[in-house]
Amino acid sequence: MIVRLEDAALDTDTLTAKFRLNEPEFKTALNRYLQQQGSHVPVHSLAEIIASGQYHKPTLEKFFATAQSYEDGPNSADYKDRRMRMDEIRIEVANLMGEKSTGCAGVSPSKMFGPSHWGNVSERP
């Protein structure tokens, strides 16, 4: 059954802008991967990739710059705040689904959407 939910907080453009987590996660995961490759790769961090200029700038320059700006990656205050707001949205969606009698009333958000907090990037499935 499809139930239309009219809620400004659930606008996809707003959600994407507010909860985008891939930049800090990307930098941390990429740096870890490149460092593990040792002498098999010519660069060992996102910063080195940016400095080399050996990437498709029209599509990656803004993303790389944003990712590089996260000094603490998933440990940054901004990242943690976004994770917390995601948990709040999960609860709001669960409540809206319950109000619309979709059969989800009383079901915890973690059962519907997975764990509300995965911890650090390396703990994610």
PDB file of N, CA and C in Angstrom:
ATOM      1  N   MET A   1       0.842  -1.163   0.000  1.00  0.00           N
ATOM      2  CA  MET A   1       0.000   0.000   0.000  1.00  0.00           C
ATOM      3  C   MET A   1       0.898   1.241   0.000  1.00  0.00           C
ATOM      4  N   ILE A   2       0.560   2.212  -0.816  1.00  0.00           N
ATOM      5  CA  ILE A   2       1.290   3.481  -0.853  1.00  0.00           C
ATOM      6  C   ILE A   2       0.425   4.539  -0.193  1.00  0.00           C
ATOM      7  N   VAL A   3       1.007   5.212   0.772  1.00  0.00           N
ATOM      8  CA  VAL A   3       0.309   6.289   1.476  1.00  0.00           C
ATOM      9  C   VAL A   3       1.110   7.559   1.287  1.00  0.00           C
ATOM     10  N   ARG A   4       0.486   8.570   0.717  1.00  0.00           N
ATOM     11  CA  ARG A   4       1.164   9.846   0.497  1.00  0.00           C
ATOM     12  C   ARG A   4       1.288  10.579   1.829  1.00  0.00           C
ATOM     13  N   LEU A   5       2.515  10.965   2.152  1.00  0.00           N
ATOM     14  CA  LEU A   5       2.774  11.716   3.380  1.00  0.00           C
ATOM     15  C   LEU A   5       3.118  13.149   3.006  1.00  0.00           C
ATOM     16  N   GLU A   6       2.320  14.058   3.422  1.00  0.00           N
ATOM     17  CA  GLU A   6       2.557  15.476   3.160  1.00  0.00           C
ATOM     18  C   GLU A   6       3.190  16.095   4.402  1.00  0.00           C
ATOM     19  N   ASP A   7       4.481  16.251   4.356  1.00  0.00           N
ATOM     20  CA  ASP A   7       5.200  16.833   5.478  1.00  0.00           C
ATOM     21  C   ASP A   7       6.440  17.525   4.929  1.00  0.00           C
ATOM     22  N   ALA A   8       6.546  18.824   5.162  1.00  0.00           N
ATOM     23  CA  ALA A   8       7.676  19.603   4.639  1.00  0.00           C
ATOM     24  C   ALA A   8       9.020  19.063   5.122  1.00  0.00           C
ATOM     25  N   ALA A   9       9.042  18.483   6.299  1.00  0.00           N
ATOM     26  CA  ALA A   9      10.291  17.945   6.853  1.00  0.00           C
ATOM     27  C   ALA A   9      10.786  16.738   6.057  1.00  0.00           C
ATOM     28  N   LEU A  10       9.914  16.148   5.246  1.00  0.00           N
ATOM     29  CA  LEU A  10      10.283  14.952   4.488  1.00  0.00           C
ATOM     30  C   LEU A  10      10.535  15.235   3.010  1.00  0.00           C
ATOM     31  N   ASP A  11      10.627  16.499   2.646  1.00  0.00           N
ATOM     32  CA  ASP A  11      10.950  16.874   1.277  1.00  0.00           C
ATOM     33  C   ASP A  11      12.320  16.301   0.911  1.00  0.00           C
ATOM     34  N   THR A  12      12.417  15.594  -0.209  1.00  0.00           N
ATOM     35  CA  THR A  12      13.660  14.903  -0.550  1.00  0.00           C
ATOM     36  C   THR A  12      14.834  15.846  -0.759  1.00  0.00           C
ATOM     37  N   ASP A  13      14.610  17.010  -1.346  1.00  0.00           N
ATOM     38  CA  ASP A  13      15.711  17.960  -1.521  1.00  0.00           C
ATOM     39  C   ASP A  13      16.228  18.447  -0.174  1.00  0.00           C
ATOM     40  N   THR A  14      15.307  18.722   0.746  1.00  0.00           N
ATOM     41  CA  THR A  14      15.689  19.167   2.088  1.00  0.00           C
ATOM     42  C   THR A  14      16.439  18.059   2.821  1.00  0.00           C
ATOM     43  N   LEU A  15      15.921  16.845   2.736  1.00  0.00           N
ATOM     44  CA  LEU A  15      16.575  15.725   3.414  1.00  0.00           C
ATOM     45  C   LEU A  15      17.977  15.494   2.873  1.00  0.00           C
ATOM     46  N   THR A  16      18.122  15.571   1.559  1.00  0.00           N
ATOM     47  CA  THR A  16      19.444  15.371   0.959  1.00  0.00           C
ATOM     48  C   THR A  16      20.422  16.424   1.440  1.00  0.00           C
ATOM     49  N   ALA A  17      19.997  17.678   1.465  1.00  0.00           N
ATOM     50  CA  ALA A  17      20.885  18.764   1.892  1.00  0.00           C
ATOM     51  C   ALA A  17      21.241  18.657   3.375  1.00  0.00           C
ATOM     52  N   LYS A  18      20.279  18.292   4.197  1.00  0.00           N
ATOM     53  CA  LYS A  18      20.503  18.258   5.642  1.00  0.00           C
ATOM     54  C   LYS A  18      21.266  17.031   6.129  1.00  0.00           C
ATOM     55  N   PHE A  19      21.099  15.922   5.445  1.00  0.00           N
ATOM     56  CA  PHE A  19      21.604  14.669   5.985  1.00  0.00           C
ATOM     57  C   PHE A  19      22.688  14.010   5.151  1.00  0.00           C
ATOM     58  N   ARG A  20      23.195  14.699   4.209  1.00  0.00           N
ATOM     59  CA  ARG A  20      24.231  14.133   3.350  1.00  0.00           C
ATOM     60  C   ARG A  20      25.466  13.806   4.196  1.00  0.00           C
ATOM     61  N   LEU A  21      25.854  12.553   4.206  1.00  0.00           N
ATOM     62  CA  LEU A  21      26.961  12.100   5.045  1.00  0.00           C
ATOM     63  C   LEU A  21      28.134  11.558   4.247  1.00  0.00           C
ATOM     64  N   ASN A  22      27.973  11.461   2.946  1.00  0.00           N
ATOM     65  CA  ASN A  22      28.993  10.763   2.181  1.00  0.00           C
ATOM     66  C   ASN A  22      30.334  11.481   2.105  1.00  0.00           C
ATOM     67  N   GLU A  23      30.394  12.810   2.194  1.00  0.00           N
ATOM     68  CA  GLU A  23      31.692  13.473   2.111  1.00  0.00           C
ATOM     69  C   GLU A  23      32.614  13.102   3.275  1.00  0.00           C
ATOM     70  N   PRO A  24      32.177  13.268   4.537  1.00  0.00           N
ATOM     71  CA  PRO A  24      33.096  12.897   5.624  1.00  0.00           C
ATOM     72  C   PRO A  24      33.372  11.397   5.661  1.00  0.00           C
ATOM     73  N   GLU A  25      32.398  10.581   5.321  1.00  0.00           N
ATOM     74  CA  GLU A  25      32.618   9.145   5.299  1.00  0.00           C
ATOM     75  C   GLU A  25      33.562   8.769   4.157  1.00  0.00           C
ATOM     76  N   PHE A  26      33.406   9.418   3.009  1.00  0.00           N
ATOM     77  CA  PHE A  26      34.233   9.134   1.838  1.00  0.00           C
ATOM     78  C   PHE A  26      35.706   9.395   2.139  1.00  0.00           C
ATOM     79  N   LYS A  27      35.994  10.568   2.692  1.00  0.00           N
ATOM     80  CA  LYS A  27      37.382  10.924   2.967  1.00  0.00           C
ATOM     81  C   LYS A  27      38.033   9.901   3.910  1.00  0.00           C
ATOM     82  N   THR A  28      37.347   9.564   4.983  1.00  0.00           N
ATOM     83  CA  THR A  28      37.883   8.629   5.962  1.00  0.00           C
ATOM     84  C   THR A  28      38.114   7.256   5.337  1.00  0.00           C
ATOM     85  N   ALA A  29      37.113   6.757   4.611  1.00  0.00           N
ATOM     86  CA  ALA A  29      37.222   5.428   4.007  1.00  0.00           C
ATOM     87  C   ALA A  29      38.288   5.403   2.913  1.00  0.00           C
ATOM     88  N   LEU A  30      38.328   6.426   2.063  1.00  0.00           N
ATOM     89  CA  LEU A  30      39.314   6.470   0.989  1.00  0.00           C
ATOM     90  C   LEU A  30      40.730   6.553   1.545  1.00  0.00           C
ATOM     91  N   ASN A  31      40.947   7.439   2.508  1.00  0.00           N
ATOM     92  CA  ASN A  31      42.284   7.558   3.104  1.00  0.00           C
ATOM     93  C   ASN A  31      42.734   6.240   3.719  1.00  0.00           C
ATOM     94  N   ARG A  32      41.832   5.576   4.430  1.00  0.00           N
ATOM     95  CA  ARG A  32      42.174   4.289   5.052  1.00  0.00           C
ATOM     96  C   ARG A  32      42.533   3.266   3.978  1.00  0.00           C
ATOM     97  N   TYR A  33      41.716   3.201   2.933  1.00  0.00           N
ATOM     98  CA  TYR A  33      41.977   2.249   1.852  1.00  0.00           C
ATOM     99  C   TYR A  33      43.319   2.531   1.176  1.00  0.00           C
ATOM    100  N   LEU A  34      43.559   3.778   0.821  1.00  0.00           N
ATOM    101  CA  LEU A  34      44.806   4.118   0.123  1.00  0.00           C
ATOM    102  C   LEU A  34      46.034   3.855   0.994  1.00  0.00           C
ATOM    103  N   GLN A  35      45.938   4.130   2.274  1.00  0.00           N
ATOM    104  CA  GLN A  35      47.064   3.879   3.172  1.00  0.00           C
ATOM    105  C   GLN A  35      47.358   2.382   3.278  1.00  0.00           C
ATOM    106  N   GLN A  36      46.328   1.561   3.213  1.00  0.00           N
ATOM    107  CA  GLN A  36      46.512   0.110   3.287  1.00  0.00           C
ATOM    108  C   GLN A  36      47.170  -0.455   2.025  1.00  0.00           C
ATOM    109  N   GLN A  37      47.127   0.293   0.935  1.00  0.00           N
ATOM    110  CA  GLN A  37      47.677  -0.202  -0.331  1.00  0.00           C
ATOM    111  C   GLN A  37      49.194  -0.070  -0.404  1.00  0.00           C
ATOM    112  N   GLY A  38      49.767   0.695   0.504  1.00  0.00           N
ATOM    113  CA  GLY A  38      51.227   0.839   0.543  1.00  0.00           C
ATOM    114  C   GLY A  38      51.802   1.298  -0.784  1.00  0.00           C
ATOM    115  N   SER A  39      52.853   0.656  -1.226  1.00  0.00           N
ATOM    116  CA  SER A  39      53.554   1.084  -2.442  1.00  0.00           C
ATOM    117  C   SER A  39      52.840   0.675  -3.726  1.00  0.00           C
ATOM    118  N   HIS A  40      51.695   0.025  -3.616  1.00  0.00           N
ATOM    119  CA  HIS A  40      50.946  -0.393  -4.804  1.00  0.00           C
ATOM    120  C   HIS A  40      50.189   0.751  -5.463  1.00  0.00           C
ATOM    121  N   VAL A  41      50.064   1.880  -4.787  1.00  0.00           N
ATOM    122  CA  VAL A  41      49.353   3.029  -5.356  1.00  0.00           C
ATOM    123  C   VAL A  41      50.234   4.276  -5.249  1.00  0.00           C
ATOM    124  N   PRO A  42      50.083   5.206  -6.199  1.00  0.00           N
ATOM    125  CA  PRO A  42      50.940   6.393  -6.203  1.00  0.00           C
ATOM    126  C   PRO A  42      50.529   7.477  -5.189  1.00  0.00           C
ATOM    127  N   VAL A  43      49.302   7.419  -4.685  1.00  0.00           N
ATOM    128  CA  VAL A  43      48.835   8.400  -3.700  1.00  0.00           C
ATOM    129  C   VAL A  43      48.256   7.653  -2.500  1.00  0.00           C
ATOM    130  N   HIS A  44      48.260   8.316  -1.331  1.00  0.00           N
ATOM    131  CA  HIS A  44      47.810   7.651  -0.118  1.00  0.00           C
ATOM    132  C   HIS A  44      46.769   8.445   0.665  1.00  0.00           C
ATOM    133  N   SER A  45      46.188   9.482   0.019  1.00  0.00           N
ATOM    134  CA  SER A  45      45.146  10.252   0.691  1.00  0.00           C
ATOM    135  C   SER A  45      44.358  11.058  -0.335  1.00  0.00           C
ATOM    136  N   LEU A  46      43.196  11.502   0.090  1.00  0.00           N
ATOM    137  CA  LEU A  46      42.390  12.383  -0.756  1.00  0.00           C
ATOM    138  C   LEU A  46      43.155  13.664  -1.046  1.00  0.00           C
ATOM    139  N   ALA A  47      43.864  14.178  -0.066  1.00  0.00           N
ATOM    140  CA  ALA A  47      44.647  15.407  -0.272  1.00  0.00           C
ATOM    141  C   ALA A  47      45.667  15.237  -1.391  1.00  0.00           C
ATOM    142  N   GLU A  48      46.294  14.072  -1.461  1.00  0.00           N
ATOM    143  CA  GLU A  48      47.269  13.811  -2.525  1.00  0.00           C
ATOM    144  C   GLU A  48      46.597  13.699  -3.889  1.00  0.00           C
ATOM    145  N   ILE A  49      45.395  13.133  -3.932  1.00  0.00           N
ATOM    146  CA  ILE A  49      44.651  13.066  -5.195  1.00  0.00           C
ATOM    147  C   ILE A  49      44.324  14.470  -5.672  1.00  0.00           C
ATOM    148  N   ILE A  50      43.841  15.303  -4.757  1.00  0.00           N
ATOM    149  CA  ILE A  50      43.497  16.686  -5.108  1.00  0.00           C
ATOM    150  C   ILE A  50      44.732  17.417  -5.608  1.00  0.00           C
ATOM    151  N   ALA A  51      45.831  17.284  -4.903  1.00  0.00           N
ATOM    152  CA  ALA A  51      47.075  17.961  -5.285  1.00  0.00           C
ATOM    153  C   ALA A  51      47.582  17.489  -6.653  1.00  0.00           C
ATOM    154  N   SER A  52      47.351  16.225  -6.984  1.00  0.00           N
ATOM    155  CA  SER A  52      47.826  15.694  -8.266  1.00  0.00           C
ATOM    156  C   SER A  52      47.038  16.238  -9.446  1.00  0.00           C
ATOM    157  N   GLY A  53      45.782  16.597  -9.197  1.00  0.00           N
ATOM    158  CA  GLY A  53      44.925  17.060 -10.283  1.00  0.00           C
ATOM    159  C   GLY A  53      44.501  15.947 -11.226  1.00  0.00           C
ATOM    160  N   GLN A  54      44.799  14.701 -10.884  1.00  0.00           N
ATOM    161  CA  GLN A  54      44.508  13.554 -11.750  1.00  0.00           C
ATOM    162  C   GLN A  54      43.121  12.973 -11.443  1.00  0.00           C
ATOM    163  N   TYR A  55      42.105  13.766 -11.682  1.00  0.00           N
ATOM    164  CA  TYR A  55      40.723  13.327 -11.508  1.00  0.00           C
ATOM    165  C   TYR A  55      39.849  14.181 -12.408  1.00  0.00           C
ATOM    166  N   HIS A  56      38.624  13.780 -12.613  1.00  0.00           N
ATOM    167  CA  HIS A  56      37.710  14.491 -13.500  1.00  0.00           C
ATOM    168  C   HIS A  56      37.127  15.699 -12.761  1.00  0.00           C
ATOM    169  N   LYS A  57      37.752  16.841 -12.945  1.00  0.00           N
ATOM    170  CA  LYS A  57      37.387  18.045 -12.189  1.00  0.00           C
ATOM    171  C   LYS A  57      35.946  18.493 -12.362  1.00  0.00           C
ATOM    172  N   PRO A  58      35.365  18.450 -13.568  1.00  0.00           N
ATOM    173  CA  PRO A  58      33.981  18.921 -13.694  1.00  0.00           C
ATOM    174  C   PRO A  58      32.990  18.180 -12.795  1.00  0.00           C
ATOM    175  N   THR A  59      33.234  16.905 -12.538  1.00  0.00           N
ATOM    176  CA  THR A  59      32.288  16.158 -11.716  1.00  0.00           C
ATOM    177  C   THR A  59      32.746  15.950 -10.268  1.00  0.00           C
ATOM    178  N   LEU A  60      34.039  16.028 -10.003  1.00  0.00           N
ATOM    179  CA  LEU A  60      34.534  15.677  -8.671  1.00  0.00           C
ATOM    180  C   LEU A  60      35.130  16.812  -7.852  1.00  0.00           C
ATOM    181  N   GLU A  61      35.453  17.923  -8.481  1.00  0.00           N
ATOM    182  CA  GLU A  61      36.166  18.986  -7.763  1.00  0.00           C
ATOM    183  C   GLU A  61      35.405  19.490  -6.538  1.00  0.00           C
ATOM    184  N   LYS A  62      34.127  19.791  -6.685  1.00  0.00           N
ATOM    185  CA  LYS A  62      33.345  20.297  -5.550  1.00  0.00           C
ATOM    186  C   LYS A  62      33.207  19.224  -4.455  1.00  0.00           C
ATOM    187  N   PHE A  63      32.905  17.997  -4.874  1.00  0.00           N
ATOM    188  CA  PHE A  63      32.758  16.902  -3.912  1.00  0.00           C
ATOM    189  C   PHE A  63      34.057  16.672  -3.142  1.00  0.00           C
ATOM    190  N   PHE A  64      35.173  16.613  -3.864  1.00  0.00           N
ATOM    191  CA  PHE A  64      36.470  16.401  -3.214  1.00  0.00           C
ATOM    192  C   PHE A  64      36.797  17.536  -2.242  1.00  0.00           C
ATOM    193  N   ALA A  65      36.532  18.774  -2.643  1.00  0.00           N
ATOM    194  CA  ALA A  65      36.823  19.917  -1.770  1.00  0.00           C
ATOM    195  C   ALA A  65      35.990  19.842  -0.487  1.00  0.00           C
ATOM    196  N   THR A  66      34.722  19.498  -0.636  1.00  0.00           N
ATOM    197  CA  THR A  66      33.854  19.371   0.541  1.00  0.00           C
ATOM    198  C   THR A  66      34.330  18.223   1.428  1.00  0.00           C
ATOM    199  N   ALA A  67      34.628  17.090   0.814  1.00  0.00           N
ATOM    200  CA  ALA A  67      35.105  15.930   1.588  1.00  0.00           C
ATOM    201  C   ALA A  67      36.397  16.265   2.317  1.00  0.00           C
ATOM    202  N   GLN A  68      37.308  16.944   1.645  1.00  0.00           N
ATOM    203  CA  GLN A  68      38.601  17.287   2.242  1.00  0.00           C
ATOM    204  C   GLN A  68      38.439  18.263   3.408  1.00  0.00           C
ATOM    205  N   SER A  69      37.383  19.076   3.384  1.00  0.00           N
ATOM    206  CA  SER A  69      37.192  20.079   4.441  1.00  0.00           C
ATOM    207  C   SER A  69      36.834  19.458   5.793  1.00  0.00           C
ATOM    208  N   TYR A  70      36.419  18.210   5.814  1.00  0.00           N
ATOM    209  CA  TYR A  70      36.090  17.529   7.074  1.00  0.00           C
ATOM    210  C   TYR A  70      37.365  17.003   7.701  1.00  0.00           C
ATOM    211  N   GLU A  71      37.929  17.768   8.601  1.00  0.00           N
ATOM    212  CA  GLU A  71      39.182  17.364   9.251  1.00  0.00           C
ATOM    213  C   GLU A  71      38.999  16.128  10.110  1.00  0.00           C
ATOM    214  N   ASP A  72      37.866  16.027  10.792  1.00  0.00           N
ATOM    215  CA  ASP A  72      37.640  14.903  11.698  1.00  0.00           C
ATOM    216  C   ASP A  72      36.706  13.852  11.121  1.00  0.00           C
ATOM    217  N   GLY A  73      36.304  14.003   9.865  1.00  0.00           N
ATOM    218  CA  GLY A  73      35.415  13.034   9.224  1.00  0.00           C
ATOM    219  C   GLY A  73      34.206  12.726  10.071  1.00  0.00           C
ATOM    220  N   PRO A  74      33.920  11.438  10.289  1.00  0.00           N
ATOM    221  CA  PRO A  74      32.756  11.061  11.089  1.00  0.00           C
ATOM    222  C   PRO A  74      32.839  11.472  12.562  1.00  0.00           C
ATOM    223  N   ASN A  75      33.965  11.985  12.990  1.00  0.00           N
ATOM    224  CA  ASN A  75      34.074  12.480  14.371  1.00  0.00           C
ATOM    225  C   ASN A  75      33.752  13.963  14.481  1.00  0.00           C
ATOM    226  N   SER A  76      33.463  14.620  13.348  1.00  0.00           N
ATOM    227  CA  SER A  76      33.180  16.058  13.374  1.00  0.00           C
ATOM    228  C   SER A  76      31.815  16.327  14.002  1.00  0.00           C
ATOM    229  N   ALA A  77      31.678  17.488  14.592  1.00  0.00           N
ATOM    230  CA  ALA A  77      30.414  17.877  15.223  1.00  0.00           C
ATOM    231  C   ALA A  77      29.287  17.934  14.191  1.00  0.00           C
ATOM    232  N   ASP A  78      29.573  18.436  12.995  1.00  0.00           N
ATOM    233  CA  ASP A  78      28.564  18.516  11.941  1.00  0.00           C
ATOM    234  C   ASP A  78      28.060  17.127  11.569  1.00  0.00           C
ATOM    235  N   TYR A  79      28.967  16.193  11.411  1.00  0.00           N
ATOM    236  CA  TYR A  79      28.585  14.822  11.064  1.00  0.00           C
ATOM    237  C   TYR A  79      27.697  14.224  12.157  1.00  0.00           C
ATOM    238  N   LYS A  80      28.104  14.360  13.388  1.00  0.00           N
ATOM    239  CA  LYS A  80      27.329  13.805  14.505  1.00  0.00           C
ATOM    240  C   LYS A  80      25.958  14.456  14.600  1.00  0.00           C
ATOM    241  N   ASP A  81      25.880  15.767  14.335  1.00  0.00           N
ATOM    242  CA  ASP A  81      24.600  16.460  14.349  1.00  0.00           C
ATOM    243  C   ASP A  81      23.690  15.925  13.248  1.00  0.00           C
ATOM    244  N   ARG A  82      24.236  15.691  12.070  1.00  0.00           N
ATOM    245  CA  ARG A  82      23.441  15.140  10.972  1.00  0.00           C
ATOM    246  C   ARG A  82      22.937  13.741  11.314  1.00  0.00           C
ATOM    247  N   ARG A  83      23.770  12.919  11.929  1.00  0.00           N
ATOM    248  CA  ARG A  83      23.344  11.574  12.334  1.00  0.00           C
ATOM    249  C   ARG A  83      22.185  11.655  13.335  1.00  0.00           C
ATOM    250  N   MET A  84      22.277  12.590  14.287  1.00  0.00           N
ATOM    251  CA  MET A  84      21.229  12.739  15.287  1.00  0.00           C
ATOM    252  C   MET A  84      19.925  13.193  14.635  1.00  0.00           C
ATOM    253  N   ARG A  85      20.012  14.125  13.680  1.00  0.00           N
ATOM    254  CA  ARG A  85      18.807  14.587  12.991  1.00  0.00           C
ATOM    255  C   ARG A  85      18.185  13.461  12.152  1.00  0.00           C
ATOM    256  N   MET A  86      19.014  12.572  11.623  1.00  0.00           N
ATOM    257  CA  MET A  86      18.478  11.430  10.880  1.00  0.00           C
ATOM    258  C   MET A  86      17.641  10.545  11.795  1.00  0.00           C
ATOM    259  N   ASP A  87      18.098  10.356  13.013  1.00  0.00           N
ATOM    260  CA  ASP A  87      17.333   9.564  13.978  1.00  0.00           C
ATOM    261  C   ASP A  87      15.986  10.225  14.260  1.00  0.00           C
ATOM    262  N   GLU A  88      15.969  11.551  14.378  1.00  0.00           N
ATOM    263  CA  GLU A  88      14.721  12.273  14.622  1.00  0.00           C
ATOM    264  C   GLU A  88      13.757  12.095  13.456  1.00  0.00           C
ATOM    265  N   ILE A  89      14.264  12.118  12.233  1.00  0.00           N
ATOM    266  CA  ILE A  89      13.412  11.931  11.054  1.00  0.00           C
ATOM    267  C   ILE A  89      12.863  10.508  11.020  1.00  0.00           C
ATOM    268  N   ARG A  90      13.666   9.522  11.382  1.00  0.00           N
ATOM    269  CA  ARG A  90      13.175   8.140  11.437  1.00  0.00           C
ATOM    270  C   ARG A  90      11.967   8.033  12.364  1.00  0.00           C
ATOM    271  N   ILE A  91      12.060   8.672  13.513  1.00  0.00           N
ATOM    272  CA  ILE A  91      10.958   8.634  14.479  1.00  0.00           C
ATOM    273  C   ILE A  91       9.745   9.355  13.905  1.00  0.00           C
ATOM    274  N   GLU A  92       9.966  10.501  13.261  1.00  0.00           N
ATOM    275  CA  GLU A  92       8.859  11.247  12.662  1.00  0.00           C
ATOM    276  C   GLU A  92       8.165  10.416  11.580  1.00  0.00           C
ATOM    277  N   VAL A  93       8.929   9.737  10.740  1.00  0.00           N
ATOM    278  CA  VAL A  93       8.349   8.890   9.695  1.00  0.00           C
ATOM    279  C   VAL A  93       7.547   7.753  10.325  1.00  0.00           C
ATOM    280  N   ALA A  94       8.095   7.129  11.347  1.00  0.00           N
ATOM    281  CA  ALA A  94       7.376   6.047  12.022  1.00  0.00           C
ATOM    282  C   ALA A  94       6.060   6.555  12.598  1.00  0.00           C
ATOM    283  N   ASN A  95       6.087   7.731  13.208  1.00  0.00           N
ATOM    284  CA  ASN A  95       4.860   8.306  13.761  1.00  0.00           C
ATOM    285  C   ASN A  95       3.848   8.614  12.668  1.00  0.00           C
ATOM    286  N   LEU A  96       4.304   9.185  11.544  1.00  0.00           N
ATOM    287  CA  LEU A  96       3.398   9.480  10.439  1.00  0.00           C
ATOM    288  C   LEU A  96       2.800   8.205   9.859  1.00  0.00           C
ATOM    289  N   MET A  97       3.611   7.170   9.761  1.00  0.00           N
ATOM    290  CA  MET A  97       3.104   5.903   9.248  1.00  0.00           C
ATOM    291  C   MET A  97       2.047   5.334  10.187  1.00  0.00           C
ATOM    292  N   GLY A  98       2.277   5.463  11.482  1.00  0.00           N
ATOM    293  CA  GLY A  98       1.297   5.000  12.456  1.00  0.00           C
ATOM    294  C   GLY A  98       0.008   5.785  12.372  1.00  0.00           C
ATOM    295  N   GLU A  99       0.127   7.111  12.191  1.00  0.00           N
ATOM    296  CA  GLU A  99      -1.059   7.967  12.068  1.00  0.00           C
ATOM    297  C   GLU A  99      -1.866   7.627  10.825  1.00  0.00           C
ATOM    298  N   LYS A 100      -1.191   7.213   9.773  1.00  0.00           N
ATOM    299  CA  LYS A 100      -1.867   6.902   8.514  1.00  0.00           C
ATOM    300  C   LYS A 100      -2.361   5.460   8.481  1.00  0.00           C
ATOM    301  N   SER A 101      -2.249   4.761   9.628  1.00  0.00           N
ATOM    302  CA  SER A 101      -2.720   3.382   9.747  1.00  0.00           C
ATOM    303  C   SER A 101      -2.124   2.469   8.697  1.00  0.00           C
ATOM    304  N   THR A 102      -0.809   2.542   8.572  1.00  0.00           N
ATOM    305  CA  THR A 102      -0.135   1.686   7.601  1.00  0.00           C
ATOM    306  C   THR A 102       0.261   0.349   8.208  1.00  0.00           C
ATOM    307  N   GLY A 103      -0.192   0.089   9.408  1.00  0.00           N
ATOM    308  CA  GLY A 103       0.163  -1.176  10.029  1.00  0.00           C
ATOM    309  C   GLY A 103       1.485  -1.134  10.759  1.00  0.00           C
ATOM    310  N   CYS A 104       2.077   0.052  10.898  1.00  0.00           N
ATOM    311  CA  CYS A 104       3.378   0.170  11.543  1.00  0.00           C
ATOM    312  C   CYS A 104       3.278   0.800  12.923  1.00  0.00           C
ATOM    313  N   ALA A 105       2.076   1.080  13.392  1.00  0.00           N
ATOM    314  CA  ALA A 105       1.928   1.698  14.703  1.00  0.00           C
ATOM    315  C   ALA A 105       2.536   0.796  15.759  1.00  0.00           C
ATOM    316  N   GLY A 106       3.314   1.363  16.628  1.00  0.00           N
ATOM    317  CA  GLY A 106       3.931   0.626  17.708  1.00  0.00           C
ATOM    318  C   GLY A 106       5.208  -0.095  17.327  1.00  0.00           C
ATOM    319  N   VAL A 107       5.604  -0.024  16.069  1.00  0.00           N
ATOM    320  CA  VAL A 107       6.847  -0.657  15.635  1.00  0.00           C
ATOM    321  C   VAL A 107       7.962   0.357  15.783  1.00  0.00           C
ATOM    322  N   SER A 108       9.046  -0.039  16.411  1.00  0.00           N
ATOM    323  CA  SER A 108      10.133   0.905  16.624  1.00  0.00           C
ATOM    324  C   SER A 108      10.804   1.259  15.300  1.00  0.00           C
ATOM    325  N   PRO A 109      11.291   2.500  15.163  1.00  0.00           N
ATOM    326  CA  PRO A 109      11.977   2.895  13.935  1.00  0.00           C
ATOM    327  C   PRO A 109      13.151   1.993  13.596  1.00  0.00           C
ATOM    328  N   SER A 110      13.849   1.458  14.609  1.00  0.00           N
ATOM    329  CA  SER A 110      14.994   0.608  14.310  1.00  0.00           C
ATOM    330  C   SER A 110      14.564  -0.685  13.620  1.00  0.00           C
ATOM    331  N   LYS A 111      13.358  -1.183  13.922  1.00  0.00           N
ATOM    332  CA  LYS A 111      12.884  -2.385  13.246  1.00  0.00           C
ATOM    333  C   LYS A 111      12.470  -2.072  11.814  1.00  0.00           C
ATOM    334  N   MET A 112      12.023  -0.837  11.568  1.00  0.00           N
ATOM    335  CA  MET A 112      11.593  -0.474  10.218  1.00  0.00           C
ATOM    336  C   MET A 112      12.759  -0.022   9.354  1.00  0.00           C
ATOM    337  N   PHE A 113      13.704   0.664   9.927  1.00  0.00           N
ATOM    338  CA  PHE A 113      14.747   1.312   9.137  1.00  0.00           C
ATOM    339  C   PHE A 113      16.150   0.840   9.475  1.00  0.00           C
ATOM    340  N   GLY A 114      16.316  -0.122  10.315  1.00  0.00           N
ATOM    341  CA  GLY A 114      17.644  -0.562  10.714  1.00  0.00           C
ATOM    342  C   GLY A 114      18.089   0.178  11.953  1.00  0.00           C
ATOM    343  N   PRO A 115      19.278  -0.127  12.438  1.00  0.00           N
ATOM    344  CA  PRO A 115      19.783   0.523  13.651  1.00  0.00           C
ATOM    345  C   PRO A 115      19.786   2.038  13.503  1.00  0.00           C
ATOM    346  N   SER A 116      19.430   2.728  14.562  1.00  0.00           N
ATOM    347  CA  SER A 116      19.351   4.186  14.480  1.00  0.00           C
ATOM    348  C   SER A 116      20.732   4.830  14.492  1.00  0.00           C
ATOM    349  N   HIS A 117      21.753   4.067  14.893  1.00  0.00           N
ATOM    350  CA  HIS A 117      23.107   4.625  14.845  1.00  0.00           C
ATOM    351  C   HIS A 117      24.090   3.492  14.610  1.00  0.00           C
ATOM    352  N   TRP A 118      24.801   3.551  13.512  1.00  0.00           N
ATOM    353  CA  TRP A 118      25.717   2.488  13.130  1.00  0.00           C
ATOM    354  C   TRP A 118      27.089   2.628  13.761  1.00  0.00           C
ATOM    355  N   GLY A 119      27.371   3.723  14.445  1.00  0.00           N
ATOM    356  CA  GLY A 119      28.723   3.919  14.958  1.00  0.00           C
ATOM    357  C   GLY A 119      29.612   4.452  13.847  1.00  0.00           C
ATOM    358  N   ASN A 120      30.875   4.121  13.898  1.00  0.00           N
ATOM    359  CA  ASN A 120      31.767   4.670  12.890  1.00  0.00           C
ATOM    360  C   ASN A 120      31.653   3.906  11.573  1.00  0.00           C
ATOM    361  N   VAL A 121      32.211   4.464  10.537  1.00  0.00           N
ATOM    362  CA  VAL A 121      32.079   3.945   9.187  1.00  0.00           C
ATOM    363  C   VAL A 121      32.497   2.497   9.083  1.00  0.00           C
ATOM    364  N   SER A 122      33.542   2.101   9.780  1.00  0.00           N
ATOM    365  CA  SER A 122      34.046   0.738   9.670  1.00  0.00           C
ATOM    366  C   SER A 122      33.083  -0.291  10.275  1.00  0.00           C
ATOM    367  N   GLU A 123      32.129   0.149  11.096  1.00  0.00           N
ATOM    368  CA  GLU A 123      31.175  -0.776  11.711  1.00  0.00           C
ATOM    369  C   GLU A 123      29.956  -1.022  10.829  1.00  0.00           C
ATOM    370  N   ARG A 124      29.799  -0.252   9.769  1.00  0.00           N
ATOM    371  CA  ARG A 124      28.622  -0.386   8.926  1.00  0.00           C
ATOM    372  C   ARG A 124      28.720  -1.620   8.056  1.00  0.00           C
ATOM    373  N   PRO A 125      27.551  -2.218   7.754  1.00  0.00           N
ATOM    374  CA  PRO A 125      27.562  -3.399   6.882  1.00  0.00           C
ATOM    375  C   PRO A 125      27.903  -3.016   5.458  1.00  0.00           C
TER     376      PRO A 125
END
